[in-house]
Amino acid sequence: MNVEKKRERIREFFDLVECEHYDLRKFSRPVLVYKVEDDQVFYSLWEEDLLQRFGVENVDGWDYTEDVLFCPDWIRGDDDDDEDDDMQ
């Protein structure tokens, strides 16, 4: 199970998967909790204080599923921001 707290990355994720289920403006400190398995991303959005209170390990379900092809590279762990530099 993975956690992403950066609002910019969460917004990027939702933009790429074209998710209209969540409105980030309603979350004061959003946390994207996700798991990648068999080319699928299972995810939910939580408030940070709830996760701190109950623990990420107690997340027992997912709100939505998306194909990993439509997700940002960092979802798969490809966090190389200098990828364009390699193409010279």
PDB file of N, CA and C in Angstrom:
ATOM      1  N   MET A   1       0.852  -1.167   0.000  1.00  0.00           N
ATOM      2  CA  MET A   1       0.000   0.000   0.000  1.00  0.00           C
ATOM      3  C   MET A   1       0.901   1.234   0.000  1.00  0.00           C
ATOM      4  N   ASN A   2       0.552   2.198  -0.839  1.00  0.00           N
ATOM      5  CA  ASN A   2       1.357   3.405  -0.982  1.00  0.00           C
ATOM      6  C   ASN A   2       0.530   4.633  -0.611  1.00  0.00           C
ATOM      7  N   VAL A   3       1.256   5.692  -0.246  1.00  0.00           N
ATOM      8  CA  VAL A   3       0.615   6.934   0.175  1.00  0.00           C
ATOM      9  C   VAL A   3       1.263   8.094  -0.566  1.00  0.00           C
ATOM     10  N   GLU A   4       0.438   8.997  -1.063  1.00  0.00           N
ATOM     11  CA  GLU A   4       0.936  10.226  -1.690  1.00  0.00           C
ATOM     12  C   GLU A   4       0.232  11.412  -1.050  1.00  0.00           C
ATOM     13  N   LYS A   5       1.037  12.334  -0.483  1.00  0.00           N
ATOM     14  CA  LYS A   5       0.488  13.489   0.230  1.00  0.00           C
ATOM     15  C   LYS A   5       0.612  14.798  -0.537  1.00  0.00           C
ATOM     16  N   LYS A   6       1.415  14.813  -1.588  1.00  0.00           N
ATOM     17  CA  LYS A   6       1.622  16.063  -2.326  1.00  0.00           C
ATOM     18  C   LYS A   6       0.389  16.374  -3.179  1.00  0.00           C
ATOM     19  N   ARG A   7      -0.212  17.508  -2.907  1.00  0.00           N
ATOM     20  CA  ARG A   7      -1.442  17.907  -3.594  1.00  0.00           C
ATOM     21  C   ARG A   7      -1.239  17.980  -5.120  1.00  0.00           C
ATOM     22  N   GLU A   8      -0.063  18.436  -5.563  1.00  0.00           N
ATOM     23  CA  GLU A   8       0.199  18.549  -6.995  1.00  0.00           C
ATOM     24  C   GLU A   8       0.181  17.172  -7.669  1.00  0.00           C
ATOM     25  N   ARG A   9       0.760  16.196  -6.997  1.00  0.00           N
ATOM     26  CA  ARG A   9       0.786  14.842  -7.562  1.00  0.00           C
ATOM     27  C   ARG A   9      -0.607  14.221  -7.555  1.00  0.00           C
ATOM     28  N   ILE A  10      -1.360  14.475  -6.497  1.00  0.00           N
ATOM     29  CA  ILE A  10      -2.725  13.952  -6.424  1.00  0.00           C
ATOM     30  C   ILE A  10      -3.557  14.558  -7.551  1.00  0.00           C
ATOM     31  N   ARG A  11      -3.411  15.858  -7.756  1.00  0.00           N
ATOM     32  CA  ARG A  11      -4.135  16.532  -8.835  1.00  0.00           C
ATOM     33  C   ARG A  11      -3.721  15.963 -10.201  1.00  0.00           C
ATOM     34  N   GLU A  12      -2.417  15.718 -10.387  1.00  0.00           N
ATOM     35  CA  GLU A  12      -1.921  15.132 -11.630  1.00  0.00           C
ATOM     36  C   GLU A  12      -2.545  13.755 -11.859  1.00  0.00           C
ATOM     37  N   PHE A  13      -2.594  12.954 -10.814  1.00  0.00           N
ATOM     38  CA  PHE A  13      -3.195  11.622 -10.907  1.00  0.00           C
ATOM     39  C   PHE A  13      -4.645  11.720 -11.362  1.00  0.00           C
ATOM     40  N   PHE A  14      -5.426  12.558 -10.706  1.00  0.00           N
ATOM     41  CA  PHE A  14      -6.839  12.683 -11.047  1.00  0.00           C
ATOM     42  C   PHE A  14      -7.047  13.276 -12.434  1.00  0.00           C
ATOM     43  N   ASP A  15      -6.173  14.175 -12.851  1.00  0.00           N
ATOM     44  CA  ASP A  15      -6.274  14.729 -14.205  1.00  0.00           C
ATOM     45  C   ASP A  15      -6.022  13.655 -15.262  1.00  0.00           C
ATOM     46  N   LEU A  16      -5.011  12.835 -15.043  1.00  0.00           N
ATOM     47  CA  LEU A  16      -4.666  11.807 -16.028  1.00  0.00           C
ATOM     48  C   LEU A  16      -5.700  10.688 -16.108  1.00  0.00           C
ATOM     49  N   VAL A  17      -6.261  10.308 -14.986  1.00  0.00           N
ATOM     50  CA  VAL A  17      -7.269   9.238 -15.010  1.00  0.00           C
ATOM     51  C   VAL A  17      -8.666   9.795 -15.239  1.00  0.00           C
ATOM     52  N   GLU A  18      -8.739  11.121 -15.383  1.00  0.00           N
ATOM     53  CA  GLU A  18     -10.005  11.816 -15.622  1.00  0.00           C
ATOM     54  C   GLU A  18     -11.044  11.456 -14.570  1.00  0.00           C
ATOM     55  N   CYS A  19     -10.614  11.467 -13.333  1.00  0.00           N
ATOM     56  CA  CYS A  19     -11.476  11.147 -12.196  1.00  0.00           C
ATOM     57  C   CYS A  19     -12.264  12.388 -11.783  1.00  0.00           C
ATOM     58  N   GLU A  20     -13.561  12.268 -11.796  1.00  0.00           N
ATOM     59  CA  GLU A  20     -14.426  13.364 -11.371  1.00  0.00           C
ATOM     60  C   GLU A  20     -15.172  13.005 -10.094  1.00  0.00           C
ATOM     61  N   HIS A  21     -14.729  11.939  -9.438  1.00  0.00           N
ATOM     62  CA  HIS A  21     -15.407  11.467  -8.235  1.00  0.00           C
ATOM     63  C   HIS A  21     -15.044  12.282  -7.003  1.00  0.00           C
ATOM     64  N   TYR A  22     -13.870  12.901  -7.030  1.00  0.00           N
ATOM     65  CA  TYR A  22     -13.387  13.642  -5.869  1.00  0.00           C
ATOM     66  C   TYR A  22     -13.232  15.116  -6.223  1.00  0.00           C
ATOM     67  N   ASP A  23     -13.515  15.961  -5.260  1.00  0.00           N
ATOM     68  CA  ASP A  23     -13.263  17.391  -5.380  1.00  0.00           C
ATOM     69  C   ASP A  23     -12.204  17.738  -4.341  1.00  0.00           C
ATOM     70  N   LEU A  24     -10.977  17.979  -4.798  1.00  0.00           N
ATOM     71  CA  LEU A  24      -9.868  18.227  -3.867  1.00  0.00           C
ATOM     72  C   LEU A  24     -10.109  19.449  -2.987  1.00  0.00           C
ATOM     73  N   ARG A  25     -10.956  20.365  -3.436  1.00  0.00           N
ATOM     74  CA  ARG A  25     -11.232  21.561  -2.619  1.00  0.00           C
ATOM     75  C   ARG A  25     -11.935  21.216  -1.315  1.00  0.00           C
ATOM     76  N   LYS A  26     -12.558  20.056  -1.256  1.00  0.00           N
ATOM     77  CA  LYS A  26     -13.266  19.639  -0.042  1.00  0.00           C
ATOM     78  C   LYS A  26     -12.336  18.997   0.989  1.00  0.00           C
ATOM     79  N   PHE A  27     -11.091  18.778   0.607  1.00  0.00           N
ATOM     80  CA  PHE A  27     -10.127  18.134   1.491  1.00  0.00           C
ATOM     81  C   PHE A  27      -9.102  19.165   1.944  1.00  0.00           C
ATOM     82  N   SER A  28      -8.918  19.284   3.238  1.00  0.00           N
ATOM     83  CA  SER A  28      -7.914  20.232   3.731  1.00  0.00           C
ATOM     84  C   SER A  28      -6.503  19.688   3.542  1.00  0.00           C
ATOM     85  N   ARG A  29      -6.299  18.408   3.829  1.00  0.00           N
ATOM     86  CA  ARG A  29      -4.999  17.750   3.624  1.00  0.00           C
ATOM     87  C   ARG A  29      -5.251  16.365   3.033  1.00  0.00           C
ATOM     88  N   PRO A  30      -5.441  16.314   1.703  1.00  0.00           N
ATOM     89  CA  PRO A  30      -5.765  15.026   1.065  1.00  0.00           C
ATOM     90  C   PRO A  30      -4.564  14.090   1.017  1.00  0.00           C
ATOM     91  N   VAL A  31      -4.864  12.807   1.094  1.00  0.00           N
ATOM     92  CA  VAL A  31      -3.849  11.767   0.971  1.00  0.00           C
ATOM     93  C   VAL A  31      -4.411  10.705   0.025  1.00  0.00           C
ATOM     94  N   LEU A  32      -3.673  10.433  -1.028  1.00  0.00           N
ATOM     95  CA  LEU A  32      -4.044   9.386  -1.959  1.00  0.00           C
ATOM     96  C   LEU A  32      -3.427   8.077  -1.469  1.00  0.00           C
ATOM     97  N   VAL A  33      -4.268   7.110  -1.183  1.00  0.00           N
ATOM     98  CA  VAL A  33      -3.815   5.783  -0.773  1.00  0.00           C
ATOM     99  C   VAL A  33      -4.082   4.859  -1.953  1.00  0.00           C
ATOM    100  N   TYR A  34      -3.033   4.152  -2.400  1.00  0.00           N
ATOM    101  CA  TYR A  34      -3.195   3.333  -3.596  1.00  0.00           C
ATOM    102  C   TYR A  34      -2.332   2.077  -3.532  1.00  0.00           C
ATOM    103  N   LYS A  35      -2.716   1.143  -4.399  1.00  0.00           N
ATOM    104  CA  LYS A  35      -1.978  -0.107  -4.528  1.00  0.00           C
ATOM    105  C   LYS A  35      -1.965  -0.471  -6.005  1.00  0.00           C
ATOM    106  N   VAL A  36      -0.795  -0.852  -6.521  1.00  0.00           N
ATOM    107  CA  VAL A  36      -0.664  -1.295  -7.902  1.00  0.00           C
ATOM    108  C   VAL A  36      -0.556  -2.814  -7.904  1.00  0.00           C
ATOM    109  N   GLU A  37      -1.443  -3.443  -8.669  1.00  0.00           N
ATOM    110  CA  GLU A  37      -1.457  -4.902  -8.720  1.00  0.00           C
ATOM    111  C   GLU A  37      -2.011  -5.344 -10.072  1.00  0.00           C
ATOM    112  N   ASP A  38      -1.265  -6.171 -10.789  1.00  0.00           N
ATOM    113  CA  ASP A  38      -1.701  -6.715 -12.079  1.00  0.00           C
ATOM    114  C   ASP A  38      -2.129  -5.621 -13.063  1.00  0.00           C
ATOM    115  N   ASP A  39      -1.286  -4.601 -13.210  1.00  0.00           N
ATOM    116  CA  ASP A  39      -1.538  -3.488 -14.132  1.00  0.00           C
ATOM    117  C   ASP A  39      -2.815  -2.717 -13.813  1.00  0.00           C
ATOM    118  N   GLN A  40      -3.264  -2.793 -12.574  1.00  0.00           N
ATOM    119  CA  GLN A  40      -4.409  -2.027 -12.103  1.00  0.00           C
ATOM    120  C   GLN A  40      -3.985  -1.213 -10.893  1.00  0.00           C
ATOM    121  N   VAL A  41      -4.537  -0.018 -10.771  1.00  0.00           N
ATOM    122  CA  VAL A  41      -4.297   0.824  -9.607  1.00  0.00           C
ATOM    123  C   VAL A  41      -5.607   0.907  -8.827  1.00  0.00           C
ATOM    124  N   PHE A  42      -5.558   0.504  -7.595  1.00  0.00           N
ATOM    125  CA  PHE A  42      -6.700   0.590  -6.692  1.00  0.00           C
ATOM    126  C   PHE A  42      -6.444   1.783  -5.783  1.00  0.00           C
ATOM    127  N   TYR A  43      -7.420   2.678  -5.640  1.00  0.00           N
ATOM    128  CA  TYR A  43      -7.139   3.899  -4.897  1.00  0.00           C
ATOM    129  C   TYR A  43      -8.355   4.447  -4.157  1.00  0.00           C
ATOM    130  N   SER A  44      -8.035   5.242  -3.138  1.00  0.00           N
ATOM    131  CA  SER A  44      -9.010   5.989  -2.342  1.00  0.00           C
ATOM    132  C   SER A  44      -8.361   7.281  -1.910  1.00  0.00           C
ATOM    133  N   LEU A  45      -9.174   8.267  -1.622  1.00  0.00           N
ATOM    134  CA  LEU A  45      -8.677   9.542  -1.133  1.00  0.00           C
ATOM    135  C   LEU A  45      -9.143   9.729   0.300  1.00  0.00           C
ATOM    136  N   TRP A  46      -8.209  10.105   1.173  1.00  0.00           N
ATOM    137  CA  TRP A  46      -8.486  10.240   2.597  1.00  0.00           C
ATOM    138  C   TRP A  46      -8.008  11.591   3.099  1.00  0.00           C
ATOM    139  N   GLU A  47      -8.522  11.987   4.243  1.00  0.00           N
ATOM    140  CA  GLU A  47      -7.984  13.132   4.971  1.00  0.00           C
ATOM    141  C   GLU A  47      -6.801  12.639   5.792  1.00  0.00           C
ATOM    142  N   GLU A  48      -5.754  13.431   5.850  1.00  0.00           N
ATOM    143  CA  GLU A  48      -4.532  13.023   6.541  1.00  0.00           C
ATOM    144  C   GLU A  48      -4.776  12.703   8.012  1.00  0.00           C
ATOM    145  N   ASP A  49      -5.606  13.492   8.682  1.00  0.00           N
ATOM    146  CA  ASP A  49      -5.836  13.247  10.112  1.00  0.00           C
ATOM    147  C   ASP A  49      -6.528  11.910  10.369  1.00  0.00           C
ATOM    148  N   LEU A  50      -7.406  11.468   9.471  1.00  0.00           N
ATOM    149  CA  LEU A  50      -8.030  10.148   9.627  1.00  0.00           C
ATOM    150  C   LEU A  50      -7.017   9.026   9.477  1.00  0.00           C
ATOM    151  N   LEU A  51      -6.128   9.166   8.512  1.00  0.00           N
ATOM    152  CA  LEU A  51      -5.101   8.133   8.339  1.00  0.00           C
ATOM    153  C   LEU A  51      -4.142   8.090   9.520  1.00  0.00           C
ATOM    154  N   GLN A  52      -3.822   9.247  10.065  1.00  0.00           N
ATOM    155  CA  GLN A  52      -2.941   9.271  11.230  1.00  0.00           C
ATOM    156  C   GLN A  52      -3.623   8.641  12.437  1.00  0.00           C
ATOM    157  N   ARG A  53      -4.905   8.867  12.567  1.00  0.00           N
ATOM    158  CA  ARG A  53      -5.641   8.338  13.712  1.00  0.00           C
ATOM    159  C   ARG A  53      -5.818   6.829  13.632  1.00  0.00           C
ATOM    160  N   PHE A  54      -6.180   6.322  12.451  1.00  0.00           N
ATOM    161  CA  PHE A  54      -6.510   4.902  12.328  1.00  0.00           C
ATOM    162  C   PHE A  54      -5.434   4.071  11.646  1.00  0.00           C
ATOM    163  N   GLY A  55      -4.510   4.712  10.946  1.00  0.00           N
ATOM    164  CA  GLY A  55      -3.412   3.995  10.314  1.00  0.00           C
ATOM    165  C   GLY A  55      -3.732   3.530   8.904  1.00  0.00           C
ATOM    166  N   VAL A  56      -2.742   3.662   8.045  1.00  0.00           N
ATOM    167  CA  VAL A  56      -2.893   3.237   6.652  1.00  0.00           C
ATOM    168  C   VAL A  56      -3.139   1.733   6.566  1.00  0.00           C
ATOM    169  N   GLU A  57      -2.561   0.984   7.469  1.00  0.00           N
ATOM    170  CA  GLU A  57      -2.721  -0.470   7.444  1.00  0.00           C
ATOM    171  C   GLU A  57      -4.170  -0.896   7.662  1.00  0.00           C
ATOM    172  N   ASN A  58      -5.009  -0.002   8.169  1.00  0.00           N
ATOM    173  CA  ASN A  58      -6.412  -0.328   8.390  1.00  0.00           C
ATOM    174  C   ASN A  58      -7.309   0.030   7.208  1.00  0.00           C
ATOM    175  N   VAL A  59      -6.738   0.540   6.135  1.00  0.00           N
ATOM    176  CA  VAL A  59      -7.512   0.767   4.914  1.00  0.00           C
ATOM    177  C   VAL A  59      -7.790  -0.605   4.324  1.00  0.00           C
ATOM    178  N   ASP A  60      -9.057  -0.971   4.252  1.00  0.00           N
ATOM    179  CA  ASP A  60      -9.385  -2.334   3.846  1.00  0.00           C
ATOM    180  C   ASP A  60     -10.183  -2.411   2.551  1.00  0.00           C
ATOM    181  N   GLY A  61     -10.304  -1.307   1.863  1.00  0.00           N
ATOM    182  CA  GLY A  61     -11.044  -1.328   0.608  1.00  0.00           C
ATOM    183  C   GLY A  61     -10.634  -0.164  -0.268  1.00  0.00           C
ATOM    184  N   TRP A  62     -11.080  -0.208  -1.505  1.00  0.00           N
ATOM    185  CA  TRP A  62     -10.710   0.810  -2.470  1.00  0.00           C
ATOM    186  C   TRP A  62     -11.968   1.379  -3.088  1.00  0.00           C
ATOM    187  N   ASP A  63     -11.956   2.672  -3.309  1.00  0.00           N
ATOM    188  CA  ASP A  63     -13.122   3.317  -3.907  1.00  0.00           C
ATOM    189  C   ASP A  63     -13.184   3.098  -5.410  1.00  0.00           C
ATOM    190  N   TYR A  64     -12.014   3.119  -6.066  1.00  0.00           N
ATOM    191  CA  TYR A  64     -11.994   3.042  -7.522  1.00  0.00           C
ATOM    192  C   TYR A  64     -10.784   2.255  -8.010  1.00  0.00           C
ATOM    193  N   THR A  65     -10.872   1.816  -9.262  1.00  0.00           N
ATOM    194  CA  THR A  65      -9.799   1.084  -9.920  1.00  0.00           C
ATOM    195  C   THR A  65      -9.540   1.738 -11.271  1.00  0.00           C
ATOM    196  N   GLU A  66      -8.277   1.804 -11.645  1.00  0.00           N
ATOM    197  CA  GLU A  66      -7.903   2.402 -12.926  1.00  0.00           C
ATOM    198  C   GLU A  66      -6.781   1.583 -13.538  1.00  0.00           C
ATOM    199  N   ASP A  67      -6.718   1.556 -14.844  1.00  0.00           N
ATOM    200  CA  ASP A  67      -5.641   0.888 -15.557  1.00  0.00           C
ATOM    201  C   ASP A  67      -4.358   1.690 -15.356  1.00  0.00           C
ATOM    202  N   VAL A  68      -3.266   1.027 -15.063  1.00  0.00           N
ATOM    203  CA  VAL A  68      -2.003   1.704 -14.770  1.00  0.00           C
ATOM    204  C   VAL A  68      -1.483   2.503 -15.973  1.00  0.00           C
ATOM    205  N   LEU A  69      -1.913   2.163 -17.174  1.00  0.00           N
ATOM    206  CA  LEU A  69      -1.477   2.894 -18.366  1.00  0.00           C
ATOM    207  C   LEU A  69      -1.930   4.347 -18.368  1.00  0.00           C
ATOM    208  N   PHE A  70      -3.025   4.638 -17.686  1.00  0.00           N
ATOM    209  CA  PHE A  70      -3.564   5.991 -17.655  1.00  0.00           C
ATOM    210  C   PHE A  70      -3.074   6.795 -16.459  1.00  0.00           C
ATOM    211  N   CYS A  71      -2.173   6.225 -15.676  1.00  0.00           N
ATOM    212  CA  CYS A  71      -1.694   6.860 -14.454  1.00  0.00           C
ATOM    213  C   CYS A  71      -0.311   7.471 -14.667  1.00  0.00           C
ATOM    214  N   PRO A  72       0.068   8.428 -13.819  1.00  0.00           N
ATOM    215  CA  PRO A  72       1.420   8.998 -13.922  1.00  0.00           C
ATOM    216  C   PRO A  72       2.486   7.945 -13.628  1.00  0.00           C
ATOM    217  N   ASP A  73       3.687   8.192 -14.129  1.00  0.00           N
ATOM    218  CA  ASP A  73       4.786   7.232 -13.959  1.00  0.00           C
ATOM    219  C   ASP A  73       5.128   6.983 -12.498  1.00  0.00           C
ATOM    220  N   TRP A  74       4.995   7.996 -11.650  1.00  0.00           N
ATOM    221  CA  TRP A  74       5.375   7.821 -10.250  1.00  0.00           C
ATOM    222  C   TRP A  74       4.503   6.801  -9.531  1.00  0.00           C
ATOM    223  N   ILE A  75       3.332   6.492 -10.065  1.00  0.00           N
ATOM    224  CA  ILE A  75       2.475   5.458  -9.469  1.00  0.00           C
ATOM    225  C   ILE A  75       3.185   4.108  -9.491  1.00  0.00           C
ATOM    226  N   ARG A  76       3.910   3.834 -10.578  1.00  0.00           N
ATOM    227  CA  ARG A  76       4.635   2.559 -10.715  1.00  0.00           C
ATOM    228  C   ARG A  76       6.005   2.611 -10.065  1.00  0.00           C
ATOM    229  N   GLY A  77       6.357   3.757  -9.501  1.00  0.00           N
ATOM    230  CA  GLY A  77       7.663   3.884  -8.877  1.00  0.00           C
ATOM    231  C   GLY A  77       8.705   4.472  -9.800  1.00  0.00           C
ATOM    232  N   ASP A  78       8.309   4.858 -11.009  1.00  0.00           N
ATOM    233  CA  ASP A  78       9.218   5.501 -11.958  1.00  0.00           C
ATOM    234  C   ASP A  78       9.243   6.986 -11.656  1.00  0.00           C
ATOM    235  N   ASP A  79      10.020   7.368 -10.675  1.00  0.00           N
ATOM    236  CA  ASP A  79      10.023   8.748 -10.185  1.00  0.00           C
ATOM    237  C   ASP A  79      11.195   9.538 -10.748  1.00  0.00           C
ATOM    238  N   ASP A  80      11.575   9.267 -11.990  1.00  0.00           N
ATOM    239  CA  ASP A  80      12.711   9.941 -12.616  1.00  0.00           C
ATOM    240  C   ASP A  80      12.216  11.186 -13.335  1.00  0.00           C
ATOM    241  N   ASP A  81      12.356  12.355 -12.694  1.00  0.00           N
ATOM    242  CA  ASP A  81      11.908  13.612 -13.282  1.00  0.00           C
ATOM    243  C   ASP A  81      12.818  14.074 -14.398  1.00  0.00           C
ATOM    244  N   ASP A  82      14.043  13.528 -14.490  1.00  0.00           N
ATOM    245  CA  ASP A  82      15.008  13.932 -15.508  1.00  0.00           C
ATOM    246  C   ASP A  82      14.973  12.996 -16.713  1.00  0.00           C
ATOM    247  N   GLU A  83      13.855  12.361 -16.943  1.00  0.00           N
ATOM    248  CA  GLU A  83      13.727  11.388 -18.018  1.00  0.00           C
ATOM    249  C   GLU A  83      13.992  12.021 -19.380  1.00  0.00           C
ATOM    250  N   ASP A  84      13.600  13.267 -19.572  1.00  0.00           N
ATOM    251  CA  ASP A  84      13.816  13.948 -20.854  1.00  0.00           C
ATOM    252  C   ASP A  84      15.296  14.155 -21.136  1.00  0.00           C
ATOM    253  N   ASP A  85      16.112  14.275 -20.108  1.00  0.00           N
ATOM    254  CA  ASP A  85      17.538  14.486 -20.285  1.00  0.00           C
ATOM    255  C   ASP A  85      18.213  13.261 -20.908  1.00  0.00           C
ATOM    256  N   ASP A  86      17.645  12.092 -20.718  1.00  0.00           N
ATOM    257  CA  ASP A  86      18.235  10.857 -21.231  1.00  0.00           C
ATOM    258  C   ASP A  86      18.043  10.716 -22.739  1.00  0.00           C
ATOM    259  N   MET A  87      17.164  11.496 -23.327  1.00  0.00           N
ATOM    260  CA  MET A  87      16.843  11.349 -24.727  1.00  0.00           C
ATOM    261  C   MET A  87      17.690  12.212 -25.638  1.00  0.00           C
ATOM    262  N   GLN A  88      18.774  12.767 -25.153  1.00  0.00           N
ATOM    263  CA  GLN A  88      19.625  13.621 -25.969  1.00  0.00           C
ATOM    264  C   GLN A  88      20.574  12.824 -26.814  1.00  0.00           C
TER     265      GLN A  88
END
